[in-house]
C-alpha atoms as a PDB file:
ATOM      1  CA  UNK A   1     -56.681  66.138-130.586  1.00  0.00           C
ATOM      2  CA  UNK A   2     -59.576  64.839-132.807  1.00  0.00           C
ATOM      3  CA  UNK A   3     -59.157  66.948-135.245  1.00  0.00           C
ATOM      4  CA  UNK A   4     -62.443  66.250-137.134  1.00  0.00           C
ATOM      5  CA  UNK A   5     -64.359  66.986-133.916  1.00  0.00           C
ATOM      6  CA  UNK A   6     -62.304  70.303-133.610  1.00  0.00           C
ATOM      7  CA  UNK A   7     -63.714  70.889-137.003  1.00  0.00           C
ATOM      8  CA  UNK A   8     -67.349  70.098-136.530  1.00  0.00           C
ATOM      9  CA  UNK A   9     -66.990  72.440-132.690  1.00  0.00           C
ATOM     10  CA  UNK A  10     -65.796  75.382-135.041  1.00  0.00           C
ATOM     11  CA  UNK A  11     -68.348  74.951-137.788  1.00  0.00           C
ATOM     12  CA  UNK A  12     -71.141  74.737-135.048  1.00  0.00           C
ATOM     13  CA  UNK A  13     -69.681  78.378-133.555  1.00  0.00           C
ATOM     14  CA  UNK A  14     -69.371  79.922-136.920  1.00  0.00           C
ATOM     15  CA  UNK A  15     -65.990  80.743-136.086  1.00  0.00           C
ATOM     16  CA  UNK A  16     -64.364  81.640-139.656  1.00  0.00           C
ATOM     17  CA  UNK A  17     -62.259  78.857-140.829  1.00  0.00           C
ATOM     18  CA  UNK A  18     -58.938  80.608-139.975  1.00  0.00           C
ATOM     19  CA  UNK A  19     -59.856  78.753-135.965  1.00  0.00           C
ATOM     20  CA  UNK A  20     -58.578  75.715-137.002  1.00  0.00           C
ATOM     21  CA  UNK A  21     -55.165  76.350-138.866  1.00  0.00           C
ATOM     22  CA  UNK A  22     -54.792  78.550-135.787  1.00  0.00           C
ATOM     23  CA  UNK A  23     -55.213  75.796-133.190  1.00  0.00           C
ATOM     24  CA  UNK A  24     -53.208  74.036-135.435  1.00  0.00           C
ATOM     25  CA  UNK A  25     -50.083  75.422-135.494  1.00  0.00           C
ATOM     26  CA  UNK A  26     -50.360  76.412-131.734  1.00  0.00           C
ATOM     27  CA  UNK A  27     -50.143  72.210-130.798  1.00  0.00           C
ATOM     28  CA  UNK A  28     -48.088  72.018-133.478  1.00  0.00           C
ATOM     29  CA  UNK A  29     -45.332  73.769-132.026  1.00  0.00           C
ATOM     30  CA  UNK A  30     -45.867  72.356-128.691  1.00  0.00           C
ATOM     31  CA  UNK A  31     -48.813  74.088-126.791  1.00  0.00           C
ATOM     32  CA  UNK A  32     -49.556  72.321-123.367  1.00  0.00           C
ATOM     33  CA  UNK A  33     -52.822  73.378-123.924  1.00  0.00           C
ATOM     34  CA  UNK A  34     -56.000  76.194-125.352  1.00  0.00           C
ATOM     35  CA  UNK A  35     -54.962  78.630-122.576  1.00  0.00           C
ATOM     36  CA  UNK A  36     -52.147  79.218-124.474  1.00  0.00           C
ATOM     37  CA  UNK A  37     -53.578  80.627-127.735  1.00  0.00           C
ATOM     38  CA  UNK A  38     -53.578  84.082-127.409  1.00  0.00           C
ATOM     39  CA  UNK A  39     -54.534  84.982-130.351  1.00  0.00           C
ATOM     40  CA  UNK A  40     -57.917  82.738-130.031  1.00  0.00           C
ATOM     41  CA  UNK A  41     -60.286  84.962-127.743  1.00  0.00           C
ATOM     42  CA  UNK A  42     -60.869  83.861-124.546  1.00  0.00           C
ATOM     43  CA  UNK A  43     -64.461  82.722-124.767  1.00  0.00           C
ATOM     44  CA  UNK A  44     -63.583  80.361-127.821  1.00  0.00           C
ATOM     45  CA  UNK A  45     -61.025  78.225-126.085  1.00  0.00           C
ATOM     46  CA  UNK A  46     -63.122  77.563-122.655  1.00  0.00           C
ATOM     47  CA  UNK A  47     -65.342  75.845-125.020  1.00  0.00           C
ATOM     48  CA  UNK A  48     -62.477  74.018-126.934  1.00  0.00           C
ATOM     49  CA  UNK A  49     -61.152  73.164-123.483  1.00  0.00           C
ATOM     50  CA  UNK A  50     -64.679  71.806-122.343  1.00  0.00           C
ATOM     51  CA  UNK A  51     -65.579  70.358-125.489  1.00  0.00           C
ATOM     52  CA  UNK A  52     -62.619  69.571-127.611  1.00  0.00           C
ATOM     53  CA  UNK A  53     -60.220  67.074-125.375  1.00  0.00           C
ATOM     54  CA  UNK A  54     -56.597  68.025-126.225  1.00  0.00           C
ATOM     55  CA  UNK A  55     -55.724  64.845-126.730  1.00  0.00           C
ATOM     56  CA  UNK A  56     -57.838  61.885-128.283  1.00  0.00           C
ATOM     57  CA  UNK A  57     -55.132  59.925-126.071  1.00  0.00           C
ATOM     58  CA  UNK A  58     -54.674  59.458-122.773  1.00  0.00           C
ATOM     59  CA  UNK A  59     -51.271  59.110-121.045  1.00  0.00           C
ATOM     60  CA  UNK A  60     -50.931  56.054-118.916  1.00  0.00           C
ATOM     61  CA  UNK A  61     -47.269  55.376-118.292  1.00  0.00           C
ATOM     62  CA  UNK A  62     -43.957  57.100-119.585  1.00  0.00           C
ATOM     63  CA  UNK A  63     -40.800  55.387-118.666  1.00  0.00           C
ATOM     64  CA  UNK A  64     -37.080  56.649-119.230  1.00  0.00           C
ATOM     65  CA  UNK A  65     -33.972  54.799-120.054  1.00  0.00           C
ATOM     66  CA  UNK A  66     -30.539  55.238-119.173  1.00  0.00           C
ATOM     67  CA  UNK A  67     -29.971  56.355-123.193  1.00  0.00           C
ATOM     68  CA  UNK A  68     -32.330  59.417-122.636  1.00  0.00           C
ATOM     69  CA  UNK A  69     -35.108  56.820-124.691  1.00  0.00           C
ATOM     70  CA  UNK A  70     -38.348  57.607-123.540  1.00  0.00           C
ATOM     71  CA  UNK A  71     -41.669  55.491-123.816  1.00  0.00           C
ATOM     72  CA  UNK A  72     -45.625  56.519-122.972  1.00  0.00           C
ATOM     73  CA  UNK A  73     -47.575  54.247-122.834  1.00  0.00           C
ATOM     74  CA  UNK A  74     -51.122  55.421-124.132  1.00  0.00           C
ATOM     75  CA  UNK A  75     -54.670  54.765-124.179  1.00  0.00           C
ATOM     76  CA  UNK A  76     -57.486  55.532-126.328  1.00  0.00           C
ATOM     77  CA  UNK A  77     -60.948  57.165-125.374  1.00  0.00           C
ATOM     78  CA  UNK A  78     -62.105  53.232-126.276  1.00  0.00           C
ATOM     79  CA  UNK A  79     -59.391  51.772-123.870  1.00  0.00           C
ATOM     80  CA  UNK A  80     -57.272  50.526-126.482  1.00  0.00           C
ATOM     81  CA  UNK A  81     -53.606  50.388-125.715  1.00  0.00           C
ATOM     82  CA  UNK A  82     -50.850  52.719-127.579  1.00  0.00           C
ATOM     83  CA  UNK A  83     -47.238  52.947-127.263  1.00  0.00           C
ATOM     84  CA  UNK A  84     -44.515  55.163-128.610  1.00  0.00           C
ATOM     85  CA  UNK A  85     -41.071  56.185-128.214  1.00  0.00           C
ATOM     86  CA  UNK A  86     -38.749  59.209-128.251  1.00  0.00           C
ATOM     87  CA  UNK A  87     -34.981  58.432-129.544  1.00  0.00           C
ATOM     88  CA  UNK A  88     -32.964  60.659-129.025  1.00  0.00           C
ATOM     89  CA  UNK A  89     -28.540  60.912-130.480  1.00  0.00           C
ATOM     90  CA  UNK A  90     -25.817  62.142-129.949  1.00  0.00           C
ATOM     91  CA  UNK A  91     -25.745  63.570-133.080  1.00  0.00           C
ATOM     92  CA  UNK A  92     -28.740  65.928-131.848  1.00  0.00           C
ATOM     93  CA  UNK A  93     -31.394  63.772-133.719  1.00  0.00           C
ATOM     94  CA  UNK A  94     -34.826  63.418-132.198  1.00  0.00           C
ATOM     95  CA  UNK A  95     -36.663  60.197-133.913  1.00  0.00           C
ATOM     96  CA  UNK A  96     -40.312  59.392-132.650  1.00  0.00           C
ATOM     97  CA  UNK A  97     -41.323  55.923-133.378  1.00  0.00           C
ATOM     98  CA  UNK A  98     -45.125  55.714-133.613  1.00  0.00           C
ATOM     99  CA  UNK A  99     -47.692  53.085-133.737  1.00  0.00           C
ATOM    100  CA  UNK A 100     -50.230  52.574-136.346  1.00  0.00           C
ATOM    101  CA  UNK A 101     -52.375  50.144-134.662  1.00  0.00           C
ATOM    102  CA  UNK A 102     -53.535  49.337-131.169  1.00  0.00           C
ATOM    103  CA  UNK A 103     -51.305  46.192-131.060  1.00  0.00           C
ATOM    104  CA  UNK A 104     -51.541  43.767-134.413  1.00  0.00           C
ATOM    105  CA  UNK A 105     -53.392  41.674-136.179  1.00  0.00           C
ATOM    106  CA  UNK A 106     -50.140  39.730-137.903  1.00  0.00           C
ATOM    107  CA  UNK A 107     -48.435  36.880-135.836  1.00  0.00           C
ATOM    108  CA  UNK A 108     -44.500  37.370-136.650  1.00  0.00           C
ATOM    109  CA  UNK A 109     -42.226  35.061-134.531  1.00  0.00           C
ATOM    110  CA  UNK A 110     -39.709  37.457-132.852  1.00  0.00           C
ATOM    111  CA  UNK A 111     -42.200  40.637-131.798  1.00  0.00           C
ATOM    112  CA  UNK A 112     -43.863  41.321-128.494  1.00  0.00           C
ATOM    113  CA  UNK A 113     -46.724  43.566-130.400  1.00  0.00           C
ATOM    114  CA  UNK A 114     -47.476  40.116-132.564  1.00  0.00           C
ATOM    115  CA  UNK A 115     -48.680  38.779-128.984  1.00  0.00           C
ATOM    116  CA  UNK A 116     -50.807  41.239-127.906  1.00  0.00           C
ATOM    117  CA  UNK A 117     -54.388  40.859-129.201  1.00  0.00           C
ATOM    118  CA  UNK A 118     -55.122  43.050-132.035  1.00  0.00           C
ATOM    119  CA  UNK A 119     -57.262  46.204-130.856  1.00  0.00           C
ATOM    120  CA  UNK A 120     -58.005  48.510-134.387  1.00  0.00           C
ATOM    121  CA  UNK A 121     -56.839  50.436-136.421  1.00  0.00           C
ATOM    122  CA  UNK A 122     -55.808  54.238-134.967  1.00  0.00           C
ATOM    123  CA  UNK A 123     -56.936  57.354-137.033  1.00  0.00           C
ATOM    124  CA  UNK A 124     -54.811  60.324-137.903  1.00  0.00           C
ATOM    125  CA  UNK A 125     -55.450  62.132-135.057  1.00  0.00           C
ATOM    126  CA  UNK A 126     -54.157  59.688-132.185  1.00  0.00           C
ATOM    127  CA  UNK A 127     -51.723  58.833-134.395  1.00  0.00           C
ATOM    128  CA  UNK A 128     -50.378  62.786-134.545  1.00  0.00           C
ATOM    129  CA  UNK A 129     -51.151  62.510-130.876  1.00  0.00           C
ATOM    130  CA  UNK A 130     -48.473  60.428-129.950  1.00  0.00           C
ATOM    131  CA  UNK A 131     -46.285  63.136-131.970  1.00  0.00           C
ATOM    132  CA  UNK A 132     -47.881  66.080-130.603  1.00  0.00           C
ATOM    133  CA  UNK A 133     -46.642  64.181-127.113  1.00  0.00           C
ATOM    134  CA  UNK A 134     -43.208  64.416-127.911  1.00  0.00           C
ATOM    135  CA  UNK A 135     -43.276  68.054-128.964  1.00  0.00           C
ATOM    136  CA  UNK A 136     -44.372  69.022-125.982  1.00  0.00           C
ATOM    137  CA  UNK A 137     -40.981  67.926-124.741  1.00  0.00           C
ATOM    138  CA  UNK A 138     -38.507  68.856-127.361  1.00  0.00           C
ATOM    139  CA  UNK A 139     -38.251  69.839-130.837  1.00  0.00           C
ATOM    140  CA  UNK A 140     -38.665  66.403-133.032  1.00  0.00           C
ATOM    141  CA  UNK A 141     -37.112  65.681-136.643  1.00  0.00           C
ATOM    142  CA  UNK A 142     -37.777  62.000-137.862  1.00  0.00           C
ATOM    143  CA  UNK A 143     -40.269  59.855-137.981  1.00  0.00           C
ATOM    144  CA  UNK A 144     -40.418  56.298-138.448  1.00  0.00           C
ATOM    145  CA  UNK A 145     -43.977  54.212-138.440  1.00  0.00           C
ATOM    146  CA  UNK A 146     -42.024  51.095-136.521  1.00  0.00           C
ATOM    147  CA  UNK A 147     -44.310  51.107-133.788  1.00  0.00           C
ATOM    148  CA  UNK A 148     -46.898  48.438-132.682  1.00  0.00           C
ATOM    149  CA  UNK A 149     -48.924  47.657-135.969  1.00  0.00           C
ATOM    150  CA  UNK A 150     -48.814  47.683-139.721  1.00  0.00           C
ATOM    151  CA  UNK A 151     -48.674  51.109-140.913  1.00  0.00           C
ATOM    152  CA  UNK A 152     -49.848  49.482-145.009  1.00  0.00           C
ATOM    153  CA  UNK A 153     -53.123  47.950-143.342  1.00  0.00           C
ATOM    154  CA  UNK A 154     -53.752  51.049-142.293  1.00  0.00           C
ATOM    155  CA  UNK A 155     -52.580  53.699-144.437  1.00  0.00           C
ATOM    156  CA  UNK A 156     -55.172  56.059-145.007  1.00  0.00           C
ATOM    157  CA  UNK A 157     -54.469  57.048-141.714  1.00  0.00           C
ATOM    158  CA  UNK A 158     -51.467  56.940-141.527  1.00  0.00           C
ATOM    159  CA  UNK A 159     -51.000  58.745-145.306  1.00  0.00           C
ATOM    160  CA  UNK A 160     -53.415  61.586-142.932  1.00  0.00           C
ATOM    161  CA  UNK A 161     -51.104  61.804-140.225  1.00  0.00           C
ATOM    162  CA  UNK A 162     -47.619  62.269-142.190  1.00  0.00           C
ATOM    163  CA  UNK A 163     -49.426  65.027-144.246  1.00  0.00           C
ATOM    164  CA  UNK A 164     -49.068  67.205-140.761  1.00  0.00           C
ATOM    165  CA  UNK A 165     -45.810  66.060-139.466  1.00  0.00           C
ATOM    166  CA  UNK A 166     -43.927  68.938-141.277  1.00  0.00           C
ATOM    167  CA  UNK A 167     -45.473  71.214-139.208  1.00  0.00           C
ATOM    168  CA  UNK A 168     -44.129  69.331-136.116  1.00  0.00           C
ATOM    169  CA  UNK A 169     -40.598  69.804-137.566  1.00  0.00           C
ATOM    170  CA  UNK A 170     -40.658  66.552-139.196  1.00  0.00           C
ATOM    171  CA  UNK A 171     -40.496  66.686-143.217  1.00  0.00           C
ATOM    172  CA  UNK A 172     -41.687  63.735-145.286  1.00  0.00           C
ATOM    173  CA  UNK A 173     -37.669  62.736-146.348  1.00  0.00           C
ATOM    174  CA  UNK A 174     -37.442  61.640-142.731  1.00  0.00           C
ATOM    175  CA  UNK A 175     -40.123  59.779-142.257  1.00  0.00           C
ATOM    176  CA  UNK A 176     -39.974  55.946-142.876  1.00  0.00           C
ATOM    177  CA  UNK A 177     -42.760  53.863-143.307  1.00  0.00           C
ATOM    178  CA  UNK A 178     -41.856  50.112-142.319  1.00  0.00           C
ATOM    179  CA  UNK A 179     -44.025  47.047-143.556  1.00  0.00           C
ATOM    180  CA  UNK A 180     -43.426  43.499-143.677  1.00  0.00           C
ATOM    181  CA  UNK A 181     -44.393  43.364-147.202  1.00  0.00           C
ATOM    182  CA  UNK A 182     -47.912  44.071-147.501  1.00  0.00           C
ATOM    183  CA  UNK A 183     -47.689  44.539-151.222  1.00  0.00           C
ATOM    184  CA  UNK A 184     -50.767  46.791-151.735  1.00  0.00           C
ATOM    185  CA  UNK A 185     -49.978  49.247-149.100  1.00  0.00           C
ATOM    186  CA  UNK A 186     -46.438  49.014-150.570  1.00  0.00           C
ATOM    187  CA  UNK A 187     -48.169  49.998-154.040  1.00  0.00           C
ATOM    188  CA  UNK A 188     -50.547  52.454-152.831  1.00  0.00           C
ATOM    189  CA  UNK A 189     -47.755  54.323-151.613  1.00  0.00           C
ATOM    190  CA  UNK A 190     -45.854  53.910-154.348  1.00  0.00           C
ATOM    191  CA  UNK A 191     -48.414  56.191-156.366  1.00  0.00           C
ATOM    192  CA  UNK A 192     -48.166  58.730-153.735  1.00  0.00           C
ATOM    193  CA  UNK A 193     -46.755  62.064-154.306  1.00  0.00           C
ATOM    194  CA  UNK A 194     -45.204  62.359-150.801  1.00  0.00           C
ATOM    195  CA  UNK A 195     -41.904  61.430-150.767  1.00  0.00           C
ATOM    196  CA  UNK A 196     -41.768  59.303-147.492  1.00  0.00           C
ATOM    197  CA  UNK A 197     -39.166  56.397-147.021  1.00  0.00           C
ATOM    198  CA  UNK A 198     -40.436  52.712-147.500  1.00  0.00           C
ATOM    199  CA  UNK A 199     -38.592  49.795-145.212  1.00  0.00           C
ATOM    200  CA  UNK A 200     -39.146  46.387-145.325  1.00  0.00           C
ATOM    201  CA  UNK A 201     -38.972  44.456-142.745  1.00  0.00           C
ATOM    202  CA  UNK A 202     -37.296  41.176-144.567  1.00  0.00           C
ATOM    203  CA  UNK A 203     -35.684  38.898-141.492  1.00  0.00           C
ATOM    204  CA  UNK A 204     -34.674  35.984-143.897  1.00  0.00           C
ATOM    205  CA  UNK A 205     -33.367  35.360-147.422  1.00  0.00           C
ATOM    206  CA  UNK A 206     -35.658  32.559-148.706  1.00  0.00           C
ATOM    207  CA  UNK A 207     -39.317  31.858-148.759  1.00  0.00           C
ATOM    208  CA  UNK A 208     -39.756  28.817-146.071  1.00  0.00           C
ATOM    209  CA  UNK A 209     -37.369  30.475-143.277  1.00  0.00           C
ATOM    210  CA  UNK A 210     -38.967  34.018-143.590  1.00  0.00           C
ATOM    211  CA  UNK A 211     -42.794  31.633-143.393  1.00  0.00           C
ATOM    212  CA  UNK A 212     -41.496  29.992-140.450  1.00  0.00           C
ATOM    213  CA  UNK A 213     -40.566  33.241-139.000  1.00  0.00           C
ATOM    214  CA  UNK A 214     -43.203  36.147-140.641  1.00  0.00           C
ATOM    215  CA  UNK A 215     -46.403  33.784-141.545  1.00  0.00           C
ATOM    216  CA  UNK A 216     -47.239  36.489-143.856  1.00  0.00           C
ATOM    217  CA  UNK A 217     -44.819  35.236-146.073  1.00  0.00           C
ATOM    218  CA  UNK A 218     -47.520  32.978-146.941  1.00  0.00           C
ATOM    219  CA  UNK A 219     -49.775  35.467-148.225  1.00  0.00           C
ATOM    220  CA  UNK A 220     -47.054  37.768-149.688  1.00  0.00           C
ATOM    221  CA  UNK A 221     -44.343  35.628-150.749  1.00  0.00           C
ATOM    222  CA  UNK A 222     -40.499  37.429-150.653  1.00  0.00           C
ATOM    223  CA  UNK A 223     -39.935  37.510-154.544  1.00  0.00           C
ATOM    224  CA  UNK A 224     -43.445  39.104-154.851  1.00  0.00           C
ATOM    225  CA  UNK A 225     -42.680  41.738-152.017  1.00  0.00           C
ATOM    226  CA  UNK A 226     -39.021  42.261-154.057  1.00  0.00           C
ATOM    227  CA  UNK A 227     -40.908  42.959-156.896  1.00  0.00           C
ATOM    228  CA  UNK A 228     -42.998  45.588-155.171  1.00  0.00           C
ATOM    229  CA  UNK A 229     -39.666  47.588-153.808  1.00  0.00           C
ATOM    230  CA  UNK A 230     -38.099  47.712-156.670  1.00  0.00           C
ATOM    231  CA  UNK A 231     -41.362  49.266-158.296  1.00  0.00           C
ATOM    232  CA  UNK A 232     -40.796  51.571-155.529  1.00  0.00           C
ATOM    233  CA  UNK A 233     -37.125  52.019-156.420  1.00  0.00           C
ATOM    234  CA  UNK A 234     -38.201  53.016-159.660  1.00  0.00           C
ATOM    235  CA  UNK A 235     -40.596  55.573-159.058  1.00  0.00           C
ATOM    236  CA  UNK A 236     -39.065  57.392-156.455  1.00  0.00           C
ATOM    237  CA  UNK A 237     -35.213  56.921-156.601  1.00  0.00           C
ATOM    238  CA  UNK A 238     -34.568  56.887-153.315  1.00  0.00           C
ATOM    239  CA  UNK A 239     -33.294  53.645-151.488  1.00  0.00           C
ATOM    240  CA  UNK A 240     -35.178  50.910-149.705  1.00  0.00           C
ATOM    241  CA  UNK A 241     -33.966  49.977-146.305  1.00  0.00           C
ATOM    242  CA  UNK A 242     -34.715  46.436-145.377  1.00  0.00           C
ATOM    243  CA  UNK A 243     -34.817  45.751-141.536  1.00  0.00           C
ATOM    244  CA  UNK A 244     -33.377  42.115-140.193  1.00  0.00           C
ATOM    245  CA  UNK A 245     -32.910  40.850-136.747  1.00  0.00           C
ATOM    246  CA  UNK A 246     -30.372  38.803-136.209  1.00  0.00           C
ATOM    247  CA  UNK A 247     -31.804  35.376-134.485  1.00  0.00           C
ATOM    248  CA  UNK A 248     -28.861  33.173-133.233  1.00  0.00           C
ATOM    249  CA  UNK A 249     -28.200  30.426-135.427  1.00  0.00           C
ATOM    250  CA  UNK A 250     -31.548  31.107-137.444  1.00  0.00           C
ATOM    251  CA  UNK A 251     -30.613  33.354-139.916  1.00  0.00           C
ATOM    252  CA  UNK A 252     -27.165  34.728-139.152  1.00  0.00           C
ATOM    253  CA  UNK A 253     -24.704  32.446-140.988  1.00  0.00           C
ATOM    254  CA  UNK A 254     -22.490  33.183-143.715  1.00  0.00           C
ATOM    255  CA  UNK A 255     -24.589  31.014-146.218  1.00  0.00           C
ATOM    256  CA  UNK A 256     -27.783  32.859-144.985  1.00  0.00           C
ATOM    257  CA  UNK A 257     -25.497  36.188-145.627  1.00  0.00           C
ATOM    258  CA  UNK A 258     -24.349  35.464-149.681  1.00  0.00           C
ATOM    259  CA  UNK A 259     -28.134  34.226-149.882  1.00  0.00           C
ATOM    260  CA  UNK A 260     -29.042  37.398-149.243  1.00  0.00           C
ATOM    261  CA  UNK A 261     -26.757  39.465-150.973  1.00  0.00           C
ATOM    262  CA  UNK A 262     -26.946  37.915-153.668  1.00  0.00           C
ATOM    263  CA  UNK A 263     -30.632  38.457-153.496  1.00  0.00           C
ATOM    264  CA  UNK A 264     -30.364  42.437-152.853  1.00  0.00           C
ATOM    265  CA  UNK A 265     -29.684  44.846-155.898  1.00  0.00           C
ATOM    266  CA  UNK A 266     -27.190  46.935-154.463  1.00  0.00           C
ATOM    267  CA  UNK A 267     -28.164  50.718-155.871  1.00  0.00           C
ATOM    268  CA  UNK A 268     -31.760  49.565-154.560  1.00  0.00           C
ATOM    269  CA  UNK A 269     -31.585  47.945-150.885  1.00  0.00           C
ATOM    270  CA  UNK A 270     -29.861  49.095-147.500  1.00  0.00           C
ATOM    271  CA  UNK A 271     -29.585  47.063-145.204  1.00  0.00           C
ATOM    272  CA  UNK A 272     -30.140  47.512-141.254  1.00  0.00           C
ATOM    273  CA  UNK A 273     -28.842  44.855-139.527  1.00  0.00           C
ATOM    274  CA  UNK A 274     -31.038  44.384-136.427  1.00  0.00           C
ATOM    275  CA  UNK A 275     -29.476  43.037-133.011  1.00  0.00           C
ATOM    276  CA  UNK A 276     -32.392  41.126-131.216  1.00  0.00           C
ATOM    277  CA  UNK A 277     -33.945  42.881-128.236  1.00  0.00           C
ATOM    278  CA  UNK A 278     -35.157  40.103-125.922  1.00  0.00           C
ATOM    279  CA  UNK A 279     -39.032  39.479-125.301  1.00  0.00           C
ATOM    280  CA  UNK A 280     -40.628  36.265-124.006  1.00  0.00           C
ATOM    281  CA  UNK A 281     -39.900  34.534-127.677  1.00  0.00           C
ATOM    282  CA  UNK A 282     -38.474  31.383-128.568  1.00  0.00           C
ATOM    283  CA  UNK A 283     -35.188  32.808-129.736  1.00  0.00           C
ATOM    284  CA  UNK A 284     -31.635  34.430-128.475  1.00  0.00           C
ATOM    285  CA  UNK A 285     -29.969  37.159-130.012  1.00  0.00           C
ATOM    286  CA  UNK A 286     -27.081  36.501-132.492  1.00  0.00           C
ATOM    287  CA  UNK A 287     -23.405  37.646-131.140  1.00  0.00           C
ATOM    288  CA  UNK A 288     -21.997  40.481-132.351  1.00  0.00           C
ATOM    289  CA  UNK A 289     -19.273  38.624-133.626  1.00  0.00           C
ATOM    290  CA  UNK A 290     -21.700  36.777-135.686  1.00  0.00           C
ATOM    291  CA  UNK A 291     -23.162  39.913-136.730  1.00  0.00           C
ATOM    292  CA  UNK A 292     -20.200  41.573-137.584  1.00  0.00           C
ATOM    293  CA  UNK A 293     -19.409  38.659-140.058  1.00  0.00           C
ATOM    294  CA  UNK A 294     -22.635  38.382-141.665  1.00  0.00           C
ATOM    295  CA  UNK A 295     -22.268  42.660-142.467  1.00  0.00           C
ATOM    296  CA  UNK A 296     -18.635  41.845-143.700  1.00  0.00           C
ATOM    297  CA  UNK A 297     -20.260  39.397-146.184  1.00  0.00           C
ATOM    298  CA  UNK A 298     -23.194  41.684-147.482  1.00  0.00           C
ATOM    299  CA  UNK A 299     -20.178  44.413-147.686  1.00  0.00           C
ATOM    300  CA  UNK A 300     -18.006  42.045-149.623  1.00  0.00           C
ATOM    301  CA  UNK A 301     -20.777  41.977-151.821  1.00  0.00           C
ATOM    302  CA  UNK A 302     -21.288  45.736-152.611  1.00  0.00           C
ATOM    303  CA  UNK A 303     -24.310  45.518-149.946  1.00  0.00           C
ATOM    304  CA  UNK A 304     -24.554  48.660-147.476  1.00  0.00           C
ATOM    305  CA  UNK A 305     -24.908  47.742-144.252  1.00  0.00           C
ATOM    306  CA  UNK A 306     -25.187  49.008-141.064  1.00  0.00           C
ATOM    307  CA  UNK A 307     -25.920  47.893-137.587  1.00  0.00           C
ATOM    308  CA  UNK A 308     -28.650  49.527-135.431  1.00  0.00           C
ATOM    309  CA  UNK A 309     -27.762  51.523-132.200  1.00  0.00           C
ATOM    310  CA  UNK A 310     -30.376  49.969-129.698  1.00  0.00           C
ATOM    311  CA  UNK A 311     -32.196  52.736-127.505  1.00  0.00           C
ATOM    312  CA  UNK A 312     -34.099  51.434-124.939  1.00  0.00           C
ATOM    313  CA  UNK A 313     -34.036  48.095-124.260  1.00  0.00           C
ATOM    314  CA  UNK A 314     -33.804  48.531-120.240  1.00  0.00           C
ATOM    315  CA  UNK A 315     -37.274  49.853-120.559  1.00  0.00           C
ATOM    316  CA  UNK A 316     -38.755  48.050-123.289  1.00  0.00           C
ATOM    317  CA  UNK A 317     -38.908  50.733-125.942  1.00  0.00           C
ATOM    318  CA  UNK A 318     -36.330  48.914-128.532  1.00  0.00           C
ATOM    319  CA  UNK A 319     -36.725  47.497-131.683  1.00  0.00           C
ATOM    320  CA  UNK A 320     -39.776  44.757-131.365  1.00  0.00           C
ATOM    321  CA  UNK A 321     -40.337  44.510-127.797  1.00  0.00           C
ATOM    322  CA  UNK A 322     -43.274  46.875-127.988  1.00  0.00           C
ATOM    323  CA  UNK A 323     -46.051  45.406-126.033  1.00  0.00           C
ATOM    324  CA  UNK A 324     -48.294  48.090-124.087  1.00  0.00           C
ATOM    325  CA  UNK A 325     -46.712  46.419-120.842  1.00  0.00           C
ATOM    326  CA  UNK A 326     -45.595  49.103-118.205  1.00  0.00           C
ATOM    327  CA  UNK A 327     -41.640  49.560-117.598  1.00  0.00           C
ATOM    328  CA  UNK A 328     -40.323  51.225-114.955  1.00  0.00           C
ATOM    329  CA  UNK A 329     -39.428  54.584-114.691  1.00  0.00           C
END
């Protein structure tokens, strides 16, 4: 819900300060309406239902994948498209992938979101309402800002949302913010007291190829980005995740694996190799054999590397696929 509108509405009625906290406690535990908030006076519940919409987002479509993943397509009050994903894992984890912007102003060539027209930054309430939608379905415990948009370009609202995520069940230590290498945001996150994880979308071990895949590299070169990541590690003492999407014949060769291994300090970084998920881009995904060979090179050089488990590919909910297109339920 729009938390500022909630505060303003309560203040205009002269309600005690505890009312906003009571509303949030119910909401963060998965309440589906004001009517469930039985410790609020009935007349106040009616006023809130009339003047403060229970969510700042409207659900337009929900798709369910064979593996249990759920993708929700929302619209904001001004008609902007937003997608978020709930990923269910066999070990019991319930992880959310949320968006920080409607669309994305950056144009990474492998990512479907980059083909959308950029809308705007999302507010903290719009970010939280993505999480709250899924909290009303079941308990959740992890969150990654890897949906639509570049979170570091909207860090004020992202961090404001992160401050409330623990009430929903997601601690800051189980929250990760992904960036293409937006250095001002990395530096601000480094100074933040919140123990949030940092993930870097790297995708190429050299400047020229990375600029080809991710034009933002021309603005923030890889060498400078890695320096900012090292500063993050020095302050936080928490490993930085490297996201590396595997593109057939582009960035998946032995020489590139070796170059990546030589680029990264093993004590600072952990690499997540991401099988490429189909979009309408020019790329094909690497074979499983190529991915395994790439991983082996990294491990032989002391780099902790894993292959990400793909979730929700059949409903366009996997990494790089969010583009506000409704998939069949």
